[in-house]
Amino acid sequence: MKKQILVTGGAGYIGSHTVVELVAQGYEVVIVDNLSNSERSALDGISKICGFYPPFEEIDLTDYQATEHLFQKYNFVAIIHFAAYKAVGESVQKPLAYYRNNLVSLINLLELMNKYGVDNMVFSSSCTVYGQPEKLPVSESAPIQKAMSPYGNTKQISEEIIQDAIVAMPQLKAIALRYFNPIGAHESALIGELPRGVPNNLVPFITQTAIGVREYLRVFGSDYNTPDGTCIRDYIHVVDLAKAHIIAMKRLLENKNKSSFEFFNLGTGKGATVLEVIKSFEKVSGQKLNYKLVERRPGDIEKIWADTTLANQELGWKAEKTLDDAMLSAWRWEQHYRSTLQKKQ
């Protein structure tokens, strides 16, 4: 029986790009997704890029029995765990749904990893674990602040759960990758960020506004202590991010990790304001964007960007693509997706 990599949430935004990179490196991948915040069409995009359909299981990981069936059916050597609800604003409105989904799914996976002898997990974490940091850029030694949202809290708690599980089950090894803000799309324009309903993230809202799906973009807050009053984030191209997961997984499989639980910041090391992102989009697309400055949004952090020294040195990984690269790829993806929809109608 061949050894497989389980990618949970593999039909989602970052998951789908990571599946493509894994396949390109010769790994056998099994995709699991309950399609609650992703579309089956992402699987078609993956198959067109890869030349075949990787095995796909439509499973909700909060269902223990269904998840156990997965471990019985396949022979996993590692899990890359993306599957989680991830919208900051929505988590403030629906905290219990976020705690149930994000924590129960992780607990089920860890229990079954222990039961079925799967020792390696790469965990999709977030820079939200740092809250509003006291010092910028943020390094991994920064104190974990009180989370600004239930979503951020689920990432903090998840990391604590993994650490505690490793103490009790010393054969387990895990790397948490703390992402900053993933944007952009695959160069083929066959996969990209595809939120259900109204987007919670900035870039798909920009591209949907530019293509006429949204009337205008709301920029939340214009009175922050930043150069132009709008929030600052560290925007990283999703393909750069996906590649980091393969490096982290190899590190675990080859026993090159320096402790049983490691964590790394994944970003570019530079911050950009919301208005700078809008300007970058307008430049690469040639489109003038309709946007309005509105009140701040609850749960939003004022400014954050990464110190990526540890990931650069330890993983030998570095973000290579620029903000302009990411915005152009996101625009091409949006255009391709809308033209595909029109052909189906």
C-alpha atoms as a PDB file:
ATOM      1  CA  MET A   1       0.000   0.000   0.000  1.00  0.00           C
ATOM      2  CA  LYS A   2       1.377   3.415  -0.997  1.00  0.00           C
ATOM      3  CA  LYS A   3       1.962   6.114   1.612  1.00  0.00           C
ATOM      4  CA  GLN A   4      -0.278   9.115   1.320  1.00  0.00           C
ATOM      5  CA  ILE A   5      -0.455  12.692   2.558  1.00  0.00           C
ATOM      6  CA  LEU A   6      -3.860  13.739   3.915  1.00  0.00           C
ATOM      7  CA  VAL A   7      -4.744  17.341   3.091  1.00  0.00           C
ATOM      8  CA  THR A   8      -7.774  18.456   5.097  1.00  0.00           C
ATOM      9  CA  GLY A   9      -9.612  21.404   3.600  1.00  0.00           C
ATOM     10  CA  GLY A  10      -7.852  20.503   0.361  1.00  0.00           C
ATOM     11  CA  ALA A  11     -10.578  22.008  -1.842  1.00  0.00           C
ATOM     12  CA  GLY A  12     -10.153  25.344  -0.088  1.00  0.00           C
ATOM     13  CA  TYR A  13      -7.977  28.252  -1.057  1.00  0.00           C
ATOM     14  CA  ILE A  14      -4.593  27.440   0.485  1.00  0.00           C
ATOM     15  CA  GLY A  15      -5.327  23.705   0.547  1.00  0.00           C
ATOM     16  CA  SER A  16      -5.895  23.468  -3.213  1.00  0.00           C
ATOM     17  CA  HIS A  17      -2.629  25.286  -3.991  1.00  0.00           C
ATOM     18  CA  THR A  18      -0.763  23.021  -1.569  1.00  0.00           C
ATOM     19  CA  VAL A  19      -2.254  19.900  -3.193  1.00  0.00           C
ATOM     20  CA  VAL A  20      -0.932  21.090  -6.567  1.00  0.00           C
ATOM     21  CA  GLU A  21       2.567  21.672  -5.142  1.00  0.00           C
ATOM     22  CA  LEU A  22       2.553  18.257  -3.400  1.00  0.00           C
ATOM     23  CA  VAL A  23       1.580  16.468  -6.607  1.00  0.00           C
ATOM     24  CA  ALA A  24       4.257  18.403  -8.524  1.00  0.00           C
ATOM     25  CA  GLN A  25       6.802  17.037  -6.022  1.00  0.00           C
ATOM     26  CA  GLY A  26       5.605  13.463  -6.550  1.00  0.00           C
ATOM     27  CA  TYR A  27       3.551  12.933  -3.400  1.00  0.00           C
ATOM     28  CA  GLU A  28       0.324  10.913  -3.283  1.00  0.00           C
ATOM     29  CA  VAL A  29      -2.403  13.141  -1.891  1.00  0.00           C
ATOM     30  CA  VAL A  30      -5.842  12.435  -0.431  1.00  0.00           C
ATOM     31  CA  ILE A  31      -8.105  15.498  -0.248  1.00  0.00           C
ATOM     32  CA  VAL A  32     -10.723  15.785   2.481  1.00  0.00           C
ATOM     33  CA  ASP A  33     -13.220  18.646   2.551  1.00  0.00           C
ATOM     34  CA  ASN A  34     -16.833  19.055   3.658  1.00  0.00           C
ATOM     35  CA  LEU A  35     -17.296  21.796   1.011  1.00  0.00           C
ATOM     36  CA  SER A  36     -18.842  24.116   3.616  1.00  0.00           C
ATOM     37  CA  ASN A  37     -16.691  27.001   2.444  1.00  0.00           C
ATOM     38  CA  SER A  38     -15.260  25.678  -0.811  1.00  0.00           C
ATOM     39  CA  GLU A  39     -16.555  24.619  -4.195  1.00  0.00           C
ATOM     40  CA  ARG A  40     -16.315  21.296  -5.998  1.00  0.00           C
ATOM     41  CA  SER A  41     -15.071  23.241  -9.033  1.00  0.00           C
ATOM     42  CA  ALA A  42     -11.733  23.673  -7.194  1.00  0.00           C
ATOM     43  CA  LEU A  43     -11.225  19.927  -7.639  1.00  0.00           C
ATOM     44  CA  ASP A  44     -11.690  20.353 -11.395  1.00  0.00           C
ATOM     45  CA  GLY A  45      -9.039  23.073 -11.389  1.00  0.00           C
ATOM     46  CA  ILE A  46      -6.644  20.847  -9.414  1.00  0.00           C
ATOM     47  CA  SER A  47      -7.219  17.980 -11.861  1.00  0.00           C
ATOM     48  CA  LYS A  48      -6.551  20.181 -14.895  1.00  0.00           C
ATOM     49  CA  ILE A  49      -3.253  21.399 -13.431  1.00  0.00           C
ATOM     50  CA  CYS A  50      -2.174  17.945 -12.193  1.00  0.00           C
ATOM     51  CA  GLY A  51      -3.505  15.926 -15.133  1.00  0.00           C
ATOM     52  CA  PHE A  52      -5.629  13.659 -12.906  1.00  0.00           C
ATOM     53  CA  TYR A  53      -8.096  13.771 -10.005  1.00  0.00           C
ATOM     54  CA  PRO A  54      -6.443  13.083  -6.630  1.00  0.00           C
ATOM     55  CA  PRO A  55      -8.677  10.957  -4.347  1.00  0.00           C
ATOM     56  CA  PHE A  56     -11.342  13.125  -2.715  1.00  0.00           C
ATOM     57  CA  GLU A  57     -13.500  12.370   0.341  1.00  0.00           C
ATOM     58  CA  GLU A  58     -16.387  14.645   1.294  1.00  0.00           C
ATOM     59  CA  ILE A  59     -16.198  14.364   5.071  1.00  0.00           C
ATOM     60  CA  ASP A  60     -16.859  16.640   8.024  1.00  0.00           C
ATOM     61  CA  LEU A  61     -13.952  16.115  10.416  1.00  0.00           C
ATOM     62  CA  THR A  62     -16.131  16.858  13.439  1.00  0.00           C
ATOM     63  CA  ASP A  63     -17.762  13.474  12.653  1.00  0.00           C
ATOM     64  CA  TYR A  64     -15.450  11.031  14.463  1.00  0.00           C
ATOM     65  CA  GLN A  65     -16.740   7.864  12.790  1.00  0.00           C
ATOM     66  CA  ALA A  66     -16.493   9.272   9.276  1.00  0.00           C
ATOM     67  CA  THR A  67     -12.994  10.535  10.034  1.00  0.00           C
ATOM     68  CA  GLU A  68     -11.935   7.159  11.442  1.00  0.00           C
ATOM     69  CA  HIS A  69     -13.139   5.468   8.252  1.00  0.00           C
ATOM     70  CA  LEU A  70     -10.642   7.665   6.418  1.00  0.00           C
ATOM     71  CA  PHE A  71      -7.746   6.359   8.520  1.00  0.00           C
ATOM     72  CA  GLN A  72      -8.919   2.780   7.906  1.00  0.00           C
ATOM     73  CA  LYS A  73      -9.142   3.291   4.141  1.00  0.00           C
ATOM     74  CA  TYR A  74      -5.772   5.003   3.526  1.00  0.00           C
ATOM     75  CA  ASN A  75      -2.189   4.713   4.748  1.00  0.00           C
ATOM     76  CA  PHE A  76      -1.245   8.235   5.812  1.00  0.00           C
ATOM     77  CA  VAL A  77       2.293   9.217   6.796  1.00  0.00           C
ATOM     78  CA  ALA A  78       1.507  12.901   7.367  1.00  0.00           C
ATOM     79  CA  ILE A  79      -1.419  15.291   7.641  1.00  0.00           C
ATOM     80  CA  ILE A  80      -1.511  18.895   6.483  1.00  0.00           C
ATOM     81  CA  HIS A  81      -4.461  20.293   8.404  1.00  0.00           C
ATOM     82  CA  PHE A  82      -6.170  23.319   6.844  1.00  0.00           C
ATOM     83  CA  ALA A  83      -9.843  22.525   7.490  1.00  0.00           C
ATOM     84  CA  ALA A  84     -11.223  25.330   9.684  1.00  0.00           C
ATOM     85  CA  TYR A  85     -13.594  28.256   9.617  1.00  0.00           C
ATOM     86  CA  LYS A  86     -11.449  31.348   9.093  1.00  0.00           C
ATOM     87  CA  ALA A  87     -13.357  34.646   8.907  1.00  0.00           C
ATOM     88  CA  VAL A  88     -12.509  37.066  11.719  1.00  0.00           C
ATOM     89  CA  GLY A  89     -15.743  39.081  11.436  1.00  0.00           C
ATOM     90  CA  GLU A  90     -17.979  36.016  11.205  1.00  0.00           C
ATOM     91  CA  SER A  91     -16.284  34.455  14.230  1.00  0.00           C
ATOM     92  CA  VAL A  92     -17.330  37.444  16.344  1.00  0.00           C
ATOM     93  CA  GLN A  93     -20.940  36.796  15.275  1.00  0.00           C
ATOM     94  CA  LYS A  94     -20.794  32.972  15.548  1.00  0.00           C
ATOM     95  CA  PRO A  95     -18.207  32.098  18.205  1.00  0.00           C
ATOM     96  CA  LEU A  96     -19.638  28.697  19.162  1.00  0.00           C
ATOM     97  CA  ALA A  97     -19.673  27.461  15.560  1.00  0.00           C
ATOM     98  CA  TYR A  98     -15.984  28.404  15.303  1.00  0.00           C
ATOM     99  CA  TYR A  99     -15.031  26.669  18.547  1.00  0.00           C
ATOM    100  CA  ARG A 100     -16.952  23.514  17.653  1.00  0.00           C
ATOM    101  CA  ASN A 101     -15.684  23.221  14.094  1.00  0.00           C
ATOM    102  CA  ASN A 102     -12.070  24.266  14.559  1.00  0.00           C
ATOM    103  CA  LEU A 103     -11.341  22.481  17.841  1.00  0.00           C
ATOM    104  CA  VAL A 104     -13.372  19.261  17.544  1.00  0.00           C
ATOM    105  CA  SER A 105     -11.956  18.517  14.083  1.00  0.00           C
ATOM    106  CA  LEU A 106      -8.400  18.884  15.415  1.00  0.00           C
ATOM    107  CA  ILE A 107      -9.069  16.734  18.486  1.00  0.00           C
ATOM    108  CA  ASN A 108     -10.551  13.981  16.304  1.00  0.00           C
ATOM    109  CA  LEU A 109      -7.521  14.031  14.008  1.00  0.00           C
ATOM    110  CA  LEU A 110      -5.017  13.892  16.882  1.00  0.00           C
ATOM    111  CA  GLU A 111      -6.848  10.988  18.550  1.00  0.00           C
ATOM    112  CA  LEU A 112      -6.928   9.055  15.291  1.00  0.00           C
ATOM    113  CA  MET A 113      -3.299   9.865  14.461  1.00  0.00           C
ATOM    114  CA  ASN A 114      -2.371   8.293  17.793  1.00  0.00           C
ATOM    115  CA  LYS A 115      -4.611   5.277  17.205  1.00  0.00           C
ATOM    116  CA  TYR A 116      -3.431   4.608  13.634  1.00  0.00           C
ATOM    117  CA  GLY A 117       0.245   5.493  13.986  1.00  0.00           C
ATOM    118  CA  VAL A 118       0.346   8.697  11.919  1.00  0.00           C
ATOM    119  CA  ASP A 119       3.077  10.779  13.520  1.00  0.00           C
ATOM    120  CA  ASN A 120       3.411  13.987  11.480  1.00  0.00           C
ATOM    121  CA  MET A 121       1.173  17.055  11.272  1.00  0.00           C
ATOM    122  CA  VAL A 122       1.656  20.406   9.598  1.00  0.00           C
ATOM    123  CA  PHE A 123      -0.914  22.720  11.164  1.00  0.00           C
ATOM    124  CA  SER A 124      -2.391  25.749   9.455  1.00  0.00           C
ATOM    125  CA  SER A 125      -2.076  28.450  12.101  1.00  0.00           C
ATOM    126  CA  SER A 126      -2.227  32.210  11.874  1.00  0.00           C
ATOM    127  CA  CYS A 127      -0.509  35.416  12.869  1.00  0.00           C
ATOM    128  CA  THR A 128      -3.730  36.186  14.755  1.00  0.00           C
ATOM    129  CA  VAL A 129      -2.180  34.215  17.652  1.00  0.00           C
ATOM    130  CA  TYR A 130      -0.037  37.303  18.324  1.00  0.00           C
ATOM    131  CA  GLY A 131      -3.053  39.596  18.775  1.00  0.00           C
ATOM    132  CA  GLN A 132      -1.985  43.241  18.361  1.00  0.00           C
ATOM    133  CA  PRO A 133       1.757  42.821  18.920  1.00  0.00           C
ATOM    134  CA  GLU A 134       3.726  45.243  21.067  1.00  0.00           C
ATOM    135  CA  LYS A 135       6.740  45.129  18.730  1.00  0.00           C
ATOM    136  CA  LEU A 136       6.995  44.983  14.927  1.00  0.00           C
ATOM    137  CA  PRO A 137       7.979  43.033  12.956  1.00  0.00           C
ATOM    138  CA  VAL A 138       6.636  40.022  14.852  1.00  0.00           C
ATOM    139  CA  SER A 139       9.066  37.206  15.565  1.00  0.00           C
ATOM    140  CA  GLU A 140       8.192  33.746  16.901  1.00  0.00           C
ATOM    141  CA  SER A 141       9.486  34.816  20.322  1.00  0.00           C
ATOM    142  CA  ALA A 142       6.780  37.504  20.570  1.00  0.00           C
ATOM    143  CA  PRO A 143       4.380  36.902  23.461  1.00  0.00           C
ATOM    144  CA  ILE A 144       1.027  35.382  22.581  1.00  0.00           C
ATOM    145  CA  GLN A 145      -1.439  38.198  23.298  1.00  0.00           C
ATOM    146  CA  LYS A 146      -5.119  37.874  24.070  1.00  0.00           C
ATOM    147  CA  ALA A 147      -6.822  36.997  20.788  1.00  0.00           C
ATOM    148  CA  MET A 148      -8.770  39.808  19.109  1.00  0.00           C
ATOM    149  CA  SER A 149     -11.445  37.415  17.801  1.00  0.00           C
ATOM    150  CA  PRO A 150     -12.875  33.927  18.447  1.00  0.00           C
ATOM    151  CA  TYR A 151     -11.188  32.824  15.198  1.00  0.00           C
ATOM    152  CA  GLY A 152      -7.790  33.939  16.516  1.00  0.00           C
ATOM    153  CA  ASN A 153      -8.534  32.234  19.815  1.00  0.00           C
ATOM    154  CA  THR A 154      -9.273  28.910  18.077  1.00  0.00           C
ATOM    155  CA  LYS A 155      -5.778  29.077  16.533  1.00  0.00           C
ATOM    156  CA  GLN A 156      -4.191  29.811  19.928  1.00  0.00           C
ATOM    157  CA  ILE A 157      -6.126  26.982  21.583  1.00  0.00           C
ATOM    158  CA  SER A 158      -5.372  24.608  18.700  1.00  0.00           C
ATOM    159  CA  GLU A 159      -1.632  25.160  19.123  1.00  0.00           C
ATOM    160  CA  GLU A 160      -1.997  24.497  22.869  1.00  0.00           C
ATOM    161  CA  ILE A 161      -3.966  21.306  22.168  1.00  0.00           C
ATOM    162  CA  ILE A 162      -1.230  20.068  19.806  1.00  0.00           C
ATOM    163  CA  GLN A 163       1.479  20.832  22.371  1.00  0.00           C
ATOM    164  CA  ASP A 164      -0.409  19.026  25.147  1.00  0.00           C
ATOM    165  CA  ALA A 165      -1.141  16.036  22.869  1.00  0.00           C
ATOM    166  CA  ILE A 166       2.563  15.726  22.016  1.00  0.00           C
ATOM    167  CA  VAL A 167       3.464  15.582  25.733  1.00  0.00           C
ATOM    168  CA  ALA A 168       1.058  12.667  26.176  1.00  0.00           C
ATOM    169  CA  MET A 169       1.902  11.038  22.815  1.00  0.00           C
ATOM    170  CA  PRO A 170       5.643  11.644  22.331  1.00  0.00           C
ATOM    171  CA  GLN A 171       5.759   9.924  18.939  1.00  0.00           C
ATOM    172  CA  LEU A 172       3.765  12.829  17.481  1.00  0.00           C
ATOM    173  CA  LYS A 173       5.589  15.703  15.766  1.00  0.00           C
ATOM    174  CA  ALA A 174       4.015  18.892  14.501  1.00  0.00           C
ATOM    175  CA  ILE A 175       4.895  22.168  12.846  1.00  0.00           C
ATOM    176  CA  ALA A 176       2.491  25.108  13.107  1.00  0.00           C
ATOM    177  CA  LEU A 177       2.805  27.588  10.257  1.00  0.00           C
ATOM    178  CA  ARG A 178       1.607  31.008  11.326  1.00  0.00           C
ATOM    179  CA  TYR A 179       0.440  32.689   8.130  1.00  0.00           C
ATOM    180  CA  PHE A 180       0.173  36.344   7.627  1.00  0.00           C
ATOM    181  CA  ASN A 181      -2.232  37.318   4.776  1.00  0.00           C
ATOM    182  CA  PRO A 182      -2.368  34.913   1.809  1.00  0.00           C
ATOM    183  CA  ILE A 183      -3.445  36.440  -1.502  1.00  0.00           C
ATOM    184  CA  GLY A 184      -3.150  35.731  -5.224  1.00  0.00           C
ATOM    185  CA  ALA A 185      -3.759  32.619  -7.304  1.00  0.00           C
ATOM    186  CA  HIS A 186      -2.039  29.873  -9.281  1.00  0.00           C
ATOM    187  CA  GLU A 187      -0.375  31.117 -12.469  1.00  0.00           C
ATOM    188  CA  SER A 188      -2.696  28.892 -14.556  1.00  0.00           C
ATOM    189  CA  ALA A 189      -5.731  30.870 -13.237  1.00  0.00           C
ATOM    190  CA  LEU A 190      -7.425  27.464 -12.777  1.00  0.00           C
ATOM    191  CA  ILE A 191      -7.543  27.729  -8.970  1.00  0.00           C
ATOM    192  CA  GLY A 192      -7.695  30.746  -6.688  1.00  0.00           C
ATOM    193  CA  GLU A 193      -9.542  32.259  -3.750  1.00  0.00           C
ATOM    194  CA  LEU A 194     -13.224  31.402  -4.104  1.00  0.00           C
ATOM    195  CA  PRO A 195     -15.244  32.492  -1.068  1.00  0.00           C
ATOM    196  CA  ARG A 196     -18.884  31.501  -0.733  1.00  0.00           C
ATOM    197  CA  GLY A 197     -21.242  34.465  -0.650  1.00  0.00           C
ATOM    198  CA  VAL A 198     -19.830  37.840   0.333  1.00  0.00           C
ATOM    199  CA  PRO A 199     -16.022  37.658   0.712  1.00  0.00           C
ATOM    200  CA  ASN A 200     -14.505  38.291   4.138  1.00  0.00           C
ATOM    201  CA  ASN A 201     -11.018  38.836   2.752  1.00  0.00           C
ATOM    202  CA  LEU A 202      -9.807  41.989   1.032  1.00  0.00           C
ATOM    203  CA  VAL A 203      -8.473  40.734  -2.303  1.00  0.00           C
ATOM    204  CA  PRO A 204     -11.487  38.716  -3.542  1.00  0.00           C
ATOM    205  CA  PHE A 205     -13.661  41.692  -2.598  1.00  0.00           C
ATOM    206  CA  ILE A 206     -11.396  43.907  -4.707  1.00  0.00           C
ATOM    207  CA  THR A 207     -11.522  41.601  -7.743  1.00  0.00           C
ATOM    208  CA  GLN A 208     -15.279  41.023  -7.428  1.00  0.00           C
ATOM    209  CA  THR A 209     -15.848  44.781  -7.241  1.00  0.00           C
ATOM    210  CA  ALA A 210     -13.646  45.381 -10.280  1.00  0.00           C
ATOM    211  CA  ILE A 211     -15.499  42.777 -12.332  1.00  0.00           C
ATOM    212  CA  GLY A 212     -18.926  44.137 -11.331  1.00  0.00           C
ATOM    213  CA  VAL A 213     -20.149  41.468  -8.887  1.00  0.00           C
ATOM    214  CA  ARG A 214     -19.960  43.931  -5.958  1.00  0.00           C
ATOM    215  CA  GLU A 215     -21.079  47.549  -6.146  1.00  0.00           C
ATOM    216  CA  TYR A 216     -18.175  48.905  -4.121  1.00  0.00           C
ATOM    217  CA  LEU A 217     -15.477  47.891  -1.644  1.00  0.00           C
ATOM    218  CA  ARG A 218     -15.709  48.984   1.974  1.00  0.00           C
ATOM    219  CA  VAL A 219     -12.368  49.860   3.562  1.00  0.00           C
ATOM    220  CA  PHE A 220     -12.842  49.315   7.310  1.00  0.00           C
ATOM    221  CA  GLY A 221     -11.238  52.143   9.243  1.00  0.00           C
ATOM    222  CA  SER A 222      -9.308  55.171   7.974  1.00  0.00           C
ATOM    223  CA  ASP A 223      -8.138  56.566  11.320  1.00  0.00           C
ATOM    224  CA  TYR A 224      -5.593  53.939  12.360  1.00  0.00           C
ATOM    225  CA  ASN A 225      -2.068  54.967  13.344  1.00  0.00           C
ATOM    226  CA  THR A 226      -0.619  54.066   9.921  1.00  0.00           C
ATOM    227  CA  PRO A 227       0.753  56.152   7.011  1.00  0.00           C
ATOM    228  CA  ASP A 228      -2.660  56.449   5.293  1.00  0.00           C
ATOM    229  CA  GLY A 229      -4.977  55.558   8.192  1.00  0.00           C
ATOM    230  CA  THR A 230      -5.856  52.064   6.903  1.00  0.00           C
ATOM    231  CA  CYS A 231      -4.809  48.733   8.419  1.00  0.00           C
ATOM    232  CA  ILE A 232      -1.410  47.228   7.591  1.00  0.00           C
ATOM    233  CA  ARG A 233      -0.975  43.539   6.814  1.00  0.00           C
ATOM    234  CA  ASP A 234       1.803  41.324   5.480  1.00  0.00           C
ATOM    235  CA  TYR A 235       0.390  39.998   2.197  1.00  0.00           C
ATOM    236  CA  ILE A 236       1.994  36.781   0.962  1.00  0.00           C
ATOM    237  CA  HIS A 237       1.418  35.036  -2.377  1.00  0.00           C
ATOM    238  CA  VAL A 238      -0.493  31.782  -1.859  1.00  0.00           C
ATOM    239  CA  VAL A 239       1.941  29.798  -4.039  1.00  0.00           C
ATOM    240  CA  ASP A 240       4.886  30.874  -1.861  1.00  0.00           C
ATOM    241  CA  LEU A 241       2.811  29.842   1.151  1.00  0.00           C
ATOM    242  CA  ALA A 242       1.904  26.451  -0.344  1.00  0.00           C
ATOM    243  CA  LYS A 243       5.562  25.666  -1.008  1.00  0.00           C
ATOM    244  CA  ALA A 244       6.382  26.261   2.674  1.00  0.00           C
ATOM    245  CA  HIS A 245       3.999  23.451   3.647  1.00  0.00           C
ATOM    246  CA  ILE A 246       5.872  20.913   1.546  1.00  0.00           C
ATOM    247  CA  ILE A 247       9.188  22.021   3.086  1.00  0.00           C
ATOM    248  CA  ALA A 248       7.709  21.744   6.612  1.00  0.00           C
ATOM    249  CA  MET A 249       6.247  18.305   5.882  1.00  0.00           C
ATOM    250  CA  LYS A 250       9.584  17.031   4.501  1.00  0.00           C
ATOM    251  CA  ARG A 251      11.289  18.352   7.645  1.00  0.00           C
ATOM    252  CA  LEU A 252       9.038  16.143   9.782  1.00  0.00           C
ATOM    253  CA  LEU A 253       9.232  13.073   7.528  1.00  0.00           C
ATOM    254  CA  GLU A 254      13.042  13.289   7.456  1.00  0.00           C
ATOM    255  CA  ASN A 255      13.253  13.892  11.246  1.00  0.00           C
ATOM    256  CA  LYS A 256      15.044  17.204  10.744  1.00  0.00           C
ATOM    257  CA  ASN A 257      12.832  19.037  13.236  1.00  0.00           C
ATOM    258  CA  LYS A 258      14.684  20.363  16.293  1.00  0.00           C
ATOM    259  CA  SER A 259      11.782  19.808  18.695  1.00  0.00           C
ATOM    260  CA  SER A 260       8.559  17.828  18.587  1.00  0.00           C
ATOM    261  CA  PHE A 261       6.535  21.042  18.170  1.00  0.00           C
ATOM    262  CA  GLU A 262       7.905  23.889  16.069  1.00  0.00           C
ATOM    263  CA  PHE A 263       6.276  27.029  14.733  1.00  0.00           C
ATOM    264  CA  PHE A 264       7.260  29.442  11.993  1.00  0.00           C
ATOM    265  CA  ASN A 265       5.997  32.784  10.694  1.00  0.00           C
ATOM    266  CA  LEU A 266       5.162  32.802   6.993  1.00  0.00           C
ATOM    267  CA  GLY A 267       5.069  36.244   5.455  1.00  0.00           C
ATOM    268  CA  THR A 268       7.109  38.570   3.269  1.00  0.00           C
ATOM    269  CA  GLY A 269       8.526  40.608   6.127  1.00  0.00           C
ATOM    270  CA  LYS A 270       6.910  43.782   4.749  1.00  0.00           C
ATOM    271  CA  GLY A 271       3.594  45.424   5.535  1.00  0.00           C
ATOM    272  CA  ALA A 272       1.199  47.071   3.091  1.00  0.00           C
ATOM    273  CA  THR A 273      -1.823  49.234   3.881  1.00  0.00           C
ATOM    274  CA  VAL A 274      -5.248  48.474   2.444  1.00  0.00           C
ATOM    275  CA  LEU A 275      -4.965  51.529   0.191  1.00  0.00           C
ATOM    276  CA  GLU A 276      -1.552  50.348  -1.056  1.00  0.00           C
ATOM    277  CA  VAL A 277      -3.106  46.994  -2.004  1.00  0.00           C
ATOM    278  CA  ILE A 278      -5.865  48.837  -3.879  1.00  0.00           C
ATOM    279  CA  LYS A 279      -3.271  50.952  -5.717  1.00  0.00           C
ATOM    280  CA  SER A 280      -1.290  47.832  -6.653  1.00  0.00           C
ATOM    281  CA  PHE A 281      -4.457  46.254  -8.067  1.00  0.00           C
ATOM    282  CA  GLU A 282      -5.341  49.382 -10.059  1.00  0.00           C
ATOM    283  CA  LYS A 283      -1.814  49.477 -11.494  1.00  0.00           C
ATOM    284  CA  VAL A 284      -1.598  45.833 -12.658  1.00  0.00           C
ATOM    285  CA  SER A 285      -5.223  45.532 -13.829  1.00  0.00           C
ATOM    286  CA  GLY A 286      -5.758  48.959 -15.373  1.00  0.00           C
ATOM    287  CA  GLN A 287      -9.105  49.080 -13.514  1.00  0.00           C
ATOM    288  CA  LYS A 288     -10.230  51.999 -11.345  1.00  0.00           C
ATOM    289  CA  LEU A 289     -11.735  50.589  -8.154  1.00  0.00           C
ATOM    290  CA  ASN A 290     -14.895  51.900  -6.507  1.00  0.00           C
ATOM    291  CA  TYR A 291     -14.259  51.955  -2.749  1.00  0.00           C
ATOM    292  CA  LYS A 292     -15.524  53.784   0.332  1.00  0.00           C
ATOM    293  CA  LEU A 293     -13.839  54.444   3.670  1.00  0.00           C
ATOM    294  CA  VAL A 294     -16.154  53.255   6.472  1.00  0.00           C
ATOM    295  CA  GLU A 295     -16.047  52.620  10.235  1.00  0.00           C
ATOM    296  CA  ARG A 296     -13.614  50.181  11.806  1.00  0.00           C
ATOM    297  CA  ARG A 297     -14.630  46.497  11.964  1.00  0.00           C
ATOM    298  CA  PRO A 298     -14.706  44.647  15.330  1.00  0.00           C
ATOM    299  CA  GLY A 299     -11.833  42.183  15.793  1.00  0.00           C
ATOM    300  CA  ASP A 300      -9.461  43.862  13.337  1.00  0.00           C
ATOM    301  CA  ILE A 301      -5.830  44.399  14.323  1.00  0.00           C
ATOM    302  CA  GLU A 302      -4.293  47.770  13.426  1.00  0.00           C
ATOM    303  CA  LYS A 303      -0.986  46.604  11.965  1.00  0.00           C
ATOM    304  CA  ILE A 304       1.083  43.466  11.772  1.00  0.00           C
ATOM    305  CA  TRP A 305       3.876  42.096   9.637  1.00  0.00           C
ATOM    306  CA  ALA A 306       6.298  39.237  10.017  1.00  0.00           C
ATOM    307  CA  ASP A 307       9.878  38.785  11.013  1.00  0.00           C
ATOM    308  CA  THR A 308      10.592  35.839   8.707  1.00  0.00           C
ATOM    309  CA  THR A 309      14.205  35.238   9.774  1.00  0.00           C
ATOM    310  CA  LEU A 310      13.492  31.890  11.456  1.00  0.00           C
ATOM    311  CA  ALA A 311      11.571  30.428   8.493  1.00  0.00           C
ATOM    312  CA  ASN A 312      14.210  31.757   6.090  1.00  0.00           C
ATOM    313  CA  GLN A 313      17.074  30.199   8.051  1.00  0.00           C
ATOM    314  CA  GLU A 314      15.587  27.007   9.482  1.00  0.00           C
ATOM    315  CA  LEU A 315      13.296  25.982   6.621  1.00  0.00           C
ATOM    316  CA  GLY A 316      15.390  27.503   3.860  1.00  0.00           C
ATOM    317  CA  TRP A 317      12.181  29.086   2.605  1.00  0.00           C
ATOM    318  CA  LYS A 318      11.589  32.646   1.446  1.00  0.00           C
ATOM    319  CA  ALA A 319       8.614  34.419  -0.125  1.00  0.00           C
ATOM    320  CA  GLU A 320       9.613  35.264  -3.696  1.00  0.00           C
ATOM    321  CA  LYS A 321       6.561  36.843  -5.334  1.00  0.00           C
ATOM    322  CA  THR A 322       5.657  40.537  -5.031  1.00  0.00           C
ATOM    323  CA  LEU A 323       2.401  42.281  -4.120  1.00  0.00           C
ATOM    324  CA  ASP A 324       1.962  43.213  -7.799  1.00  0.00           C
ATOM    325  CA  ASP A 325       2.499  39.546  -8.811  1.00  0.00           C
ATOM    326  CA  ALA A 326      -0.193  38.479  -6.370  1.00  0.00           C
ATOM    327  CA  MET A 327      -2.712  41.134  -7.416  1.00  0.00           C
ATOM    328  CA  LEU A 328      -2.252  40.355 -11.109  1.00  0.00           C
ATOM    329  CA  SER A 329      -2.710  36.599 -10.525  1.00  0.00           C
ATOM    330  CA  ALA A 330      -5.828  37.271  -8.409  1.00  0.00           C
ATOM    331  CA  TRP A 331      -7.288  39.426 -11.199  1.00  0.00           C
ATOM    332  CA  ARG A 332      -6.569  36.788 -13.859  1.00  0.00           C
ATOM    333  CA  TRP A 333      -8.177  34.144 -11.668  1.00  0.00           C
ATOM    334  CA  GLU A 334     -11.301  36.290 -11.154  1.00  0.00           C
ATOM    335  CA  GLN A 335     -11.606  36.899 -14.917  1.00  0.00           C
ATOM    336  CA  HIS A 336     -11.127  33.214 -15.732  1.00  0.00           C
ATOM    337  CA  TYR A 337     -13.648  32.132 -13.091  1.00  0.00           C
ATOM    338  CA  ARG A 338     -16.331  34.581 -14.270  1.00  0.00           C
ATOM    339  CA  SER A 339     -15.851  33.639 -17.944  1.00  0.00           C
ATOM    340  CA  THR A 340     -16.160  29.946 -17.000  1.00  0.00           C
ATOM    341  CA  LEU A 341     -19.417  30.721 -15.157  1.00  0.00           C
ATOM    342  CA  GLN A 342     -20.806  32.571 -18.172  1.00  0.00           C
ATOM    343  CA  LYS A 343     -20.049  29.625 -20.479  1.00  0.00           C
ATOM    344  CA  LYS A 344     -21.991  27.303 -18.163  1.00  0.00           C
ATOM    345  CA  GLN A 345     -25.083  29.540 -18.210  1.00  0.00           C
END
